[in-house]
Amino acid sequence: MCAAVVYTVDGVHVFTVNHAMSFFSPATHGEEVEMDGRVAHRKGKLTAAVVEVRRKAAGELVAIGRQWMTSTRARPKKNDESRSKL
């Protein structure tokens, strides 16, 4: 079980709704790895992020992390107006 809340500079709380990690091979202490993170999907106030960790030398997959998050503020529309007037 994992839970996290982040308080951003502009006063928005971001809550973890679901967090999953898959480990494929161990990385040794001191071994260089590369991390690649991206937003995979957005739906309403939900955002999904994915992170891949790979060995720098061989490019071998070490782990994948997936996380769904939600915030206390609605995402702005494309014209940057807030959906909420609060």
PDB file of N, CA and C in Angstrom:
ATOM      1  N   MET A   1       0.842  -1.174   0.000  1.00  0.00           N
ATOM      2  CA  MET A   1       0.000   0.000   0.000  1.00  0.00           C
ATOM      3  C   MET A   1       0.883   1.231   0.000  1.00  0.00           C
ATOM      4  N   CYS A   2       0.560   2.177  -0.873  1.00  0.00           N
ATOM      5  CA  CYS A   2       1.349   3.395  -0.981  1.00  0.00           C
ATOM      6  C   CYS A   2       0.414   4.571  -1.185  1.00  0.00           C
ATOM      7  N   ALA A   3       0.660   5.666  -0.495  1.00  0.00           N
ATOM      8  CA  ALA A   3      -0.137   6.874  -0.680  1.00  0.00           C
ATOM      9  C   ALA A   3       0.765   8.085  -0.576  1.00  0.00           C
ATOM     10  N   ALA A   4       0.445   9.108  -1.339  1.00  0.00           N
ATOM     11  CA  ALA A   4       1.240  10.329  -1.299  1.00  0.00           C
ATOM     12  C   ALA A   4       0.365  11.521  -1.629  1.00  0.00           C
ATOM     13  N   VAL A   5       0.683  12.665  -1.019  1.00  0.00           N
ATOM     14  CA  VAL A   5       0.022  13.926  -1.327  1.00  0.00           C
ATOM     15  C   VAL A   5       1.113  14.964  -1.515  1.00  0.00           C
ATOM     16  N   VAL A   6       1.017  15.731  -2.584  1.00  0.00           N
ATOM     17  CA  VAL A   6       1.982  16.791  -2.864  1.00  0.00           C
ATOM     18  C   VAL A   6       1.229  18.112  -2.841  1.00  0.00           C
ATOM     19  N   TYR A   7       1.817  19.113  -2.205  1.00  0.00           N
ATOM     20  CA  TYR A   7       1.240  20.455  -2.181  1.00  0.00           C
ATOM     21  C   TYR A   7       2.070  21.321  -3.102  1.00  0.00           C
ATOM     22  N   THR A   8       1.500  21.793  -4.203  1.00  0.00           N
ATOM     23  CA  THR A   8       2.256  22.546  -5.194  1.00  0.00           C
ATOM     24  C   THR A   8       2.354  24.019  -4.822  1.00  0.00           C
ATOM     25  N   VAL A   9       3.224  24.734  -5.506  1.00  0.00           N
ATOM     26  CA  VAL A   9       3.469  26.148  -5.236  1.00  0.00           C
ATOM     27  C   VAL A   9       2.196  26.974  -5.382  1.00  0.00           C
ATOM     28  N   ASP A  10       1.346  26.633  -6.348  1.00  0.00           N
ATOM     29  CA  ASP A  10       0.131  27.420  -6.562  1.00  0.00           C
ATOM     30  C   ASP A  10      -1.040  26.956  -5.700  1.00  0.00           C
ATOM     31  N   GLY A  11      -0.774  26.138  -4.681  1.00  0.00           N
ATOM     32  CA  GLY A  11      -1.789  25.771  -3.707  1.00  0.00           C
ATOM     33  C   GLY A  11      -2.665  24.596  -4.079  1.00  0.00           C
ATOM     34  N   VAL A  12      -2.264  23.801  -5.040  1.00  0.00           N
ATOM     35  CA  VAL A  12      -3.051  22.643  -5.461  1.00  0.00           C
ATOM     36  C   VAL A  12      -2.492  21.391  -4.794  1.00  0.00           C
ATOM     37  N   HIS A  13      -3.372  20.592  -4.181  1.00  0.00           N
ATOM     38  CA  HIS A  13      -2.967  19.298  -3.640  1.00  0.00           C
ATOM     39  C   HIS A  13      -3.066  18.262  -4.754  1.00  0.00           C
ATOM     40  N   VAL A  14      -2.056  17.420  -4.884  1.00  0.00           N
ATOM     41  CA  VAL A  14      -2.075  16.327  -5.855  1.00  0.00           C
ATOM     42  C   VAL A  14      -2.024  15.024  -5.064  1.00  0.00           C
ATOM     43  N   PHE A  15      -3.028  14.172  -5.246  1.00  0.00           N
ATOM     44  CA  PHE A  15      -3.159  12.925  -4.495  1.00  0.00           C
ATOM     45  C   PHE A  15      -2.863  11.722  -5.380  1.00  0.00           C
ATOM     46  N   THR A  16      -2.141  10.757  -4.845  1.00  0.00           N
ATOM     47  CA  THR A  16      -1.931   9.488  -5.535  1.00  0.00           C
ATOM     48  C   THR A  16      -3.168   8.622  -5.344  1.00  0.00           C
ATOM     49  N   VAL A  17      -3.735   8.161  -6.444  1.00  0.00           N
ATOM     50  CA  VAL A  17      -4.910   7.302  -6.403  1.00  0.00           C
ATOM     51  C   VAL A  17      -4.496   5.837  -6.513  1.00  0.00           C
ATOM     52  N   ASN A  18      -3.525   5.563  -7.379  1.00  0.00           N
ATOM     53  CA  ASN A  18      -3.033   4.204  -7.577  1.00  0.00           C
ATOM     54  C   ASN A  18      -1.552   4.282  -7.924  1.00  0.00           C
ATOM     55  N   HIS A  19      -0.777   3.374  -7.345  1.00  0.00           N
ATOM     56  CA  HIS A  19       0.672   3.361  -7.571  1.00  0.00           C
ATOM     57  C   HIS A  19       1.105   1.908  -7.739  1.00  0.00           C
ATOM     58  N   ALA A  20       1.802   1.611  -8.833  1.00  0.00           N
ATOM     59  CA  ALA A  20       2.257   0.236  -9.075  1.00  0.00           C
ATOM     60  C   ALA A  20       3.689   0.253  -9.579  1.00  0.00           C
ATOM     61  N   MET A  21       4.492  -0.691  -9.101  1.00  0.00           N
ATOM     62  CA  MET A  21       5.881  -0.826  -9.543  1.00  0.00           C
ATOM     63  C   MET A  21       6.113  -2.269  -9.961  1.00  0.00           C
ATOM     64  N   SER A  22       6.816  -2.431 -11.075  1.00  0.00           N
ATOM     65  CA  SER A  22       7.212  -3.760 -11.548  1.00  0.00           C
ATOM     66  C   SER A  22       8.726  -3.778 -11.665  1.00  0.00           C
ATOM     67  N   PHE A  23       9.352  -4.768 -11.020  1.00  0.00           N
ATOM     68  CA  PHE A  23      10.810  -4.897 -11.041  1.00  0.00           C
ATOM     69  C   PHE A  23      11.190  -6.080 -11.922  1.00  0.00           C
ATOM     70  N   PHE A  24      12.128  -5.850 -12.846  1.00  0.00           N
ATOM     71  CA  PHE A  24      12.515  -6.885 -13.798  1.00  0.00           C
ATOM     72  C   PHE A  24      13.902  -7.451 -13.529  1.00  0.00           C
ATOM     73  N   SER A  25      14.829  -6.609 -13.081  1.00  0.00           N
ATOM     74  CA  SER A  25      16.174  -7.081 -12.752  1.00  0.00           C
ATOM     75  C   SER A  25      16.790  -6.103 -11.758  1.00  0.00           C
ATOM     76  N   PRO A  26      17.637  -6.598 -10.854  1.00  0.00           N
ATOM     77  CA  PRO A  26      18.223  -5.709  -9.845  1.00  0.00           C
ATOM     78  C   PRO A  26      19.342  -4.850 -10.426  1.00  0.00           C
ATOM     79  N   ALA A  27      19.450  -3.647  -9.929  1.00  0.00           N
ATOM     80  CA  ALA A  27      20.588  -2.777 -10.242  1.00  0.00           C
ATOM     81  C   ALA A  27      21.515  -2.823  -9.032  1.00  0.00           C
ATOM     82  N   THR A  28      22.790  -2.913  -9.281  1.00  0.00           N
ATOM     83  CA  THR A  28      23.748  -2.988  -8.181  1.00  0.00           C
ATOM     84  C   THR A  28      24.058  -1.597  -7.651  1.00  0.00           C
ATOM     85  N   HIS A  29      24.539  -1.552  -6.421  1.00  0.00           N
ATOM     86  CA  HIS A  29      24.901  -0.283  -5.792  1.00  0.00           C
ATOM     87  C   HIS A  29      25.972   0.418  -6.629  1.00  0.00           C
ATOM     88  N   GLY A  30      25.740   1.682  -6.960  1.00  0.00           N
ATOM     89  CA  GLY A  30      26.702   2.448  -7.739  1.00  0.00           C
ATOM     90  C   GLY A  30      26.549   2.320  -9.248  1.00  0.00           C
ATOM     91  N   GLU A  31      25.691   1.408  -9.701  1.00  0.00           N
ATOM     92  CA  GLU A  31      25.480   1.232 -11.142  1.00  0.00           C
ATOM     93  C   GLU A  31      24.674   2.415 -11.695  1.00  0.00           C
ATOM     94  N   GLU A  32      25.075   2.925 -12.855  1.00  0.00           N
ATOM     95  CA  GLU A  32      24.360   4.041 -13.468  1.00  0.00           C
ATOM     96  C   GLU A  32      23.109   3.545 -14.174  1.00  0.00           C
ATOM     97  N   VAL A  33      22.000   4.225 -13.896  1.00  0.00           N
ATOM     98  CA  VAL A  33      20.736   3.926 -14.556  1.00  0.00           C
ATOM     99  C   VAL A  33      20.190   5.211 -15.169  1.00  0.00           C
ATOM    100  N   GLU A  34      19.315   5.047 -16.145  1.00  0.00           N
ATOM    101  CA  GLU A  34      18.622   6.179 -16.760  1.00  0.00           C
ATOM    102  C   GLU A  34      17.140   6.046 -16.475  1.00  0.00           C
ATOM    103  N   MET A  35      16.503   7.169 -16.157  1.00  0.00           N
ATOM    104  CA  MET A  35      15.069   7.184 -15.892  1.00  0.00           C
ATOM    105  C   MET A  35      14.382   8.041 -16.945  1.00  0.00           C
ATOM    106  N   ASP A  36      13.280   7.525 -17.479  1.00  0.00           N
ATOM    107  CA  ASP A  36      12.491   8.260 -18.461  1.00  0.00           C
ATOM    108  C   ASP A  36      11.055   8.302 -17.962  1.00  0.00           C
ATOM    109  N   GLY A  37      10.555   9.491 -17.660  1.00  0.00           N
ATOM    110  CA  GLY A  37       9.198   9.647 -17.159  1.00  0.00           C
ATOM    111  C   GLY A  37       8.352  10.471 -18.114  1.00  0.00           C
ATOM    112  N   ARG A  38       7.055  10.148 -18.145  1.00  0.00           N
ATOM    113  CA  ARG A  38       6.154  10.900 -19.016  1.00  0.00           C
ATOM    114  C   ARG A  38       4.724  10.795 -18.500  1.00  0.00           C
ATOM    115  N   VAL A  39       3.911  11.751 -18.900  1.00  0.00           N
ATOM    116  CA  VAL A  39       2.476  11.668 -18.648  1.00  0.00           C
ATOM    117  C   VAL A  39       1.900  10.790 -19.748  1.00  0.00           C
ATOM    118  N   ALA A  40       1.279   9.692 -19.354  1.00  0.00           N
ATOM    119  CA  ALA A  40       0.773   8.724 -20.326  1.00  0.00           C
ATOM    120  C   ALA A  40      -0.661   9.024 -20.760  1.00  0.00           C
ATOM    121  N   HIS A  41      -1.473   9.584 -19.839  1.00  0.00           N
ATOM    122  CA  HIS A  41      -2.885   9.795 -20.161  1.00  0.00           C
ATOM    123  C   HIS A  41      -3.484  10.796 -19.189  1.00  0.00           C
ATOM    124  N   ARG A  42      -4.445  11.563 -19.668  1.00  0.00           N
ATOM    125  CA  ARG A  42      -5.222  12.465 -18.810  1.00  0.00           C
ATOM    126  C   ARG A  42      -6.699  12.245 -19.097  1.00  0.00           C
ATOM    127  N   LYS A  43      -7.489  12.214 -18.027  1.00  0.00           N
ATOM    128  CA  LYS A  43      -8.932  12.063 -18.171  1.00  0.00           C
ATOM    129  C   LYS A  43      -9.585  12.834 -17.036  1.00  0.00           C
ATOM    130  N   GLY A  44     -10.188  13.972 -17.366  1.00  0.00           N
ATOM    131  CA  GLY A  44     -10.777  14.817 -16.332  1.00  0.00           C
ATOM    132  C   GLY A  44      -9.710  15.298 -15.370  1.00  0.00           C
ATOM    133  N   LYS A  45      -9.932  15.056 -14.069  1.00  0.00           N
ATOM    134  CA  LYS A  45      -8.950  15.457 -13.055  1.00  0.00           C
ATOM    135  C   LYS A  45      -7.898  14.380 -12.807  1.00  0.00           C
ATOM    136  N   LEU A  46      -7.995  13.245 -13.514  1.00  0.00           N
ATOM    137  CA  LEU A  46      -7.028  12.157 -13.338  1.00  0.00           C
ATOM    138  C   LEU A  46      -5.883  12.274 -14.340  1.00  0.00           C
ATOM    139  N   THR A  47      -4.680  11.997 -13.870  1.00  0.00           N
ATOM    140  CA  THR A  47      -3.491  11.986 -14.717  1.00  0.00           C
ATOM    141  C   THR A  47      -2.714  10.709 -14.445  1.00  0.00           C
ATOM    142  N   ALA A  48      -2.295  10.026 -15.505  1.00  0.00           N
ATOM    143  CA  ALA A  48      -1.479   8.817 -15.375  1.00  0.00           C
ATOM    144  C   ALA A  48      -0.050   9.127 -15.808  1.00  0.00           C
ATOM    145  N   ALA A  49       0.904   8.727 -14.979  1.00  0.00           N
ATOM    146  CA  ALA A  49       2.324   8.917 -15.292  1.00  0.00           C
ATOM    147  C   ALA A  49       3.016   7.560 -15.315  1.00  0.00           C
ATOM    148  N   VAL A  50       4.042   7.443 -16.174  1.00  0.00           N
ATOM    149  CA  VAL A  50       4.811   6.204 -16.299  1.00  0.00           C
ATOM    150  C   VAL A  50       6.295   6.547 -16.246  1.00  0.00           C
ATOM    151  N   VAL A  51       7.058   5.745 -15.499  1.00  0.00           N
ATOM    152  CA  VAL A  51       8.508   5.920 -15.414  1.00  0.00           C
ATOM    153  C   VAL A  51       9.172   4.590 -15.738  1.00  0.00           C
ATOM    154  N   GLU A  52      10.176   4.619 -16.619  1.00  0.00           N
ATOM    155  CA  GLU A  52      10.985   3.433 -16.921  1.00  0.00           C
ATOM    156  C   GLU A  52      12.398   3.668 -16.418  1.00  0.00           C
ATOM    157  N   VAL A  53      12.969   2.655 -15.769  1.00  0.00           N
ATOM    158  CA  VAL A  53      14.357   2.707 -15.300  1.00  0.00           C
ATOM    159  C   VAL A  53      15.130   1.642 -16.073  1.00  0.00           C
ATOM    160  N   ARG A  54      16.227   2.062 -16.720  1.00  0.00           N
ATOM    161  CA  ARG A  54      17.050   1.148 -17.522  1.00  0.00           C
ATOM    162  C   ARG A  54      18.518   1.281 -17.139  1.00  0.00           C
ATOM    163  N   ARG A  55      19.257   0.172 -17.301  1.00  0.00           N
ATOM    164  CA  ARG A  55      20.708   0.228 -17.124  1.00  0.00           C
ATOM    165  C   ARG A  55      21.283   1.126 -18.206  1.00  0.00           C
ATOM    166  N   LYS A  56      22.146   2.048 -17.820  1.00  0.00           N
ATOM    167  CA  LYS A  56      22.702   2.993 -18.788  1.00  0.00           C
ATOM    168  C   LYS A  56      23.589   2.292 -19.812  1.00  0.00           C
ATOM    169  N   ALA A  57      24.391   1.350 -19.390  1.00  0.00           N
ATOM    170  CA  ALA A  57      25.346   0.691 -20.286  1.00  0.00           C
ATOM    171  C   ALA A  57      24.657  -0.199 -21.323  1.00  0.00           C
ATOM    172  N   ALA A  58      23.712  -1.029 -20.891  1.00  0.00           N
ATOM    173  CA  ALA A  58      23.113  -2.028 -21.786  1.00  0.00           C
ATOM    174  C   ALA A  58      21.700  -1.677 -22.242  1.00  0.00           C
ATOM    175  N   GLY A  59      21.064  -0.704 -21.596  1.00  0.00           N
ATOM    176  CA  GLY A  59      19.688  -0.365 -21.935  1.00  0.00           C
ATOM    177  C   GLY A  59      18.674  -1.369 -21.427  1.00  0.00           C
ATOM    178  N   GLU A  60      19.112  -2.311 -20.584  1.00  0.00           N
ATOM    179  CA  GLU A  60      18.229  -3.353 -20.052  1.00  0.00           C
ATOM    180  C   GLU A  60      17.235  -2.752 -19.060  1.00  0.00           C
ATOM    181  N   LEU A  61      15.979  -3.178 -19.148  1.00  0.00           N
ATOM    182  CA  LEU A  61      14.919  -2.679 -18.286  1.00  0.00           C
ATOM    183  C   LEU A  61      15.109  -3.172 -16.854  1.00  0.00           C
ATOM    184  N   VAL A  62      15.129  -2.250 -15.912  1.00  0.00           N
ATOM    185  CA  VAL A  62      15.263  -2.574 -14.489  1.00  0.00           C
ATOM    186  C   VAL A  62      13.896  -2.533 -13.814  1.00  0.00           C
ATOM    187  N   ALA A  63      13.106  -1.478 -14.074  1.00  0.00           N
ATOM    188  CA  ALA A  63      11.808  -1.335 -13.412  1.00  0.00           C
ATOM    189  C   ALA A  63      10.906  -0.398 -14.203  1.00  0.00           C
ATOM    190  N   ILE A  64       9.602  -0.561 -13.975  1.00  0.00           N
ATOM    191  CA  ILE A  64       8.593   0.351 -14.515  1.00  0.00           C
ATOM    192  C   ILE A  64       7.694   0.761 -13.355  1.00  0.00           C
ATOM    193  N   GLY A  65       7.431   2.050 -13.255  1.00  0.00           N
ATOM    194  CA  GLY A  65       6.503   2.568 -12.257  1.00  0.00           C
ATOM    195  C   GLY A  65       5.323   3.226 -12.954  1.00  0.00           C
ATOM    196  N   ARG A  66       4.106   2.985 -12.423  1.00  0.00           N
ATOM    197  CA  ARG A  66       2.893   3.589 -12.969  1.00  0.00           C
ATOM    198  C   ARG A  66       2.128   4.237 -11.826  1.00  0.00           C
ATOM    199  N   GLN A  67       1.576   5.424 -12.092  1.00  0.00           N
ATOM    200  CA  GLN A  67       0.871   6.142 -11.036  1.00  0.00           C
ATOM    201  C   GLN A  67      -0.294   6.935 -11.621  1.00  0.00           C
ATOM    202  N   TRP A  68      -1.460   6.813 -10.975  1.00  0.00           N
ATOM    203  CA  TRP A  68      -2.615   7.653 -11.286  1.00  0.00           C
ATOM    204  C   TRP A  68      -2.718   8.693 -10.186  1.00  0.00           C
ATOM    205  N   MET A  69      -2.911   9.964 -10.587  1.00  0.00           N
ATOM    206  CA  MET A  69      -3.008  11.060  -9.620  1.00  0.00           C
ATOM    207  C   MET A  69      -4.250  11.889  -9.916  1.00  0.00           C
ATOM    208  N   THR A  70      -4.742  12.590  -8.894  1.00  0.00           N
ATOM    209  CA  THR A  70      -5.832  13.546  -9.058  1.00  0.00           C
ATOM    210  C   THR A  70      -5.478  14.797  -8.269  1.00  0.00           C
ATOM    211  N   SER A  71      -6.118  15.905  -8.603  1.00  0.00           N
ATOM    212  CA  SER A  71      -5.811  17.161  -7.922  1.00  0.00           C
ATOM    213  C   SER A  71      -7.067  17.775  -7.336  1.00  0.00           C
ATOM    214  N   THR A  72      -6.873  18.802  -6.485  1.00  0.00           N
ATOM    215  CA  THR A  72      -7.999  19.495  -5.868  1.00  0.00           C
ATOM    216  C   THR A  72      -8.545  20.586  -6.774  1.00  0.00           C
ATOM    217  N   ARG A  73      -7.917  20.800  -7.911  1.00  0.00           N
ATOM    218  CA  ARG A  73      -8.376  21.822  -8.849  1.00  0.00           C
ATOM    219  C   ARG A  73      -8.604  21.187 -10.213  1.00  0.00           C
ATOM    220  N   ALA A  74      -9.691  21.601 -10.878  1.00  0.00           N
ATOM    221  CA  ALA A  74      -9.961  21.095 -12.224  1.00  0.00           C
ATOM    222  C   ALA A  74      -8.896  21.596 -13.181  1.00  0.00           C
ATOM    223  N   ARG A  75      -8.555  20.757 -14.159  1.00  0.00           N
ATOM    224  CA  ARG A  75      -7.594  21.184 -15.181  1.00  0.00           C
ATOM    225  C   ARG A  75      -8.207  22.292 -16.016  1.00  0.00           C
ATOM    226  N   PRO A  76      -7.400  23.276 -16.429  1.00  0.00           N
ATOM    227  CA  PRO A  76      -7.939  24.343 -17.272  1.00  0.00           C
ATOM    228  C   PRO A  76      -8.339  23.832 -18.650  1.00  0.00           C
ATOM    229  N   LYS A  77      -9.297  24.538 -19.247  1.00  0.00           N
ATOM    230  CA  LYS A  77      -9.670  24.226 -20.620  1.00  0.00           C
ATOM    231  C   LYS A  77      -8.532  24.641 -21.535  1.00  0.00           C
ATOM    232  N   LYS A  78      -8.635  24.334 -22.799  1.00  0.00           N
ATOM    233  CA  LYS A  78      -7.562  24.641 -23.744  1.00  0.00           C
ATOM    234  C   LYS A  78      -7.273  26.131 -23.840  1.00  0.00           C
ATOM    235  N   ASN A  79      -8.264  26.992 -23.573  1.00  0.00           N
ATOM    236  CA  ASN A  79      -8.036  28.430 -23.640  1.00  0.00           C
ATOM    237  C   ASN A  79      -7.550  28.993 -22.298  1.00  0.00           C
ATOM    238  N   ASP A  80      -7.081  28.130 -21.401  1.00  0.00           N
ATOM    239  CA  ASP A  80      -6.503  28.470 -20.098  1.00  0.00           C
ATOM    240  C   ASP A  80      -7.494  29.041 -19.089  1.00  0.00           C
ATOM    241  N   GLU A  81      -8.800  28.903 -19.308  1.00  0.00           N
ATOM    242  CA  GLU A  81      -9.778  29.326 -18.320  1.00  0.00           C
ATOM    243  C   GLU A  81     -10.051  28.157 -17.382  1.00  0.00           C
ATOM    244  N   SER A  82     -10.192  28.442 -16.114  1.00  0.00           N
ATOM    245  CA  SER A  82     -10.474  27.394 -15.141  1.00  0.00           C
ATOM    246  C   SER A  82     -11.925  26.953 -15.271  1.00  0.00           C
ATOM    247  N   ARG A  83     -12.176  25.673 -15.078  1.00  0.00           N
ATOM    248  CA  ARG A  83     -13.545  25.164 -15.099  1.00  0.00           C
ATOM    249  C   ARG A  83     -14.299  25.598 -13.855  1.00  0.00           C
ATOM    250  N   SER A  84     -13.590  25.794 -12.767  1.00  0.00           N
ATOM    251  CA  SER A  84     -14.205  26.173 -11.504  1.00  0.00           C
ATOM    252  C   SER A  84     -14.047  27.669 -11.290  1.00  0.00           C
ATOM    253  N   LYS A  85     -15.074  28.308 -10.765  1.00  0.00           N
ATOM    254  CA  LYS A  85     -15.010  29.740 -10.472  1.00  0.00           C
ATOM    255  C   LYS A  85     -14.718  29.986  -8.997  1.00  0.00           C
ATOM    256  N   LEU A  86     -14.387  28.942  -8.249  1.00  0.00           N
ATOM    257  CA  LEU A  86     -14.072  29.088  -6.821  1.00  0.00           C
ATOM    258  C   LEU A  86     -12.681  29.605  -6.622  1.00  0.00           C
TER     259      LEU A  86
END
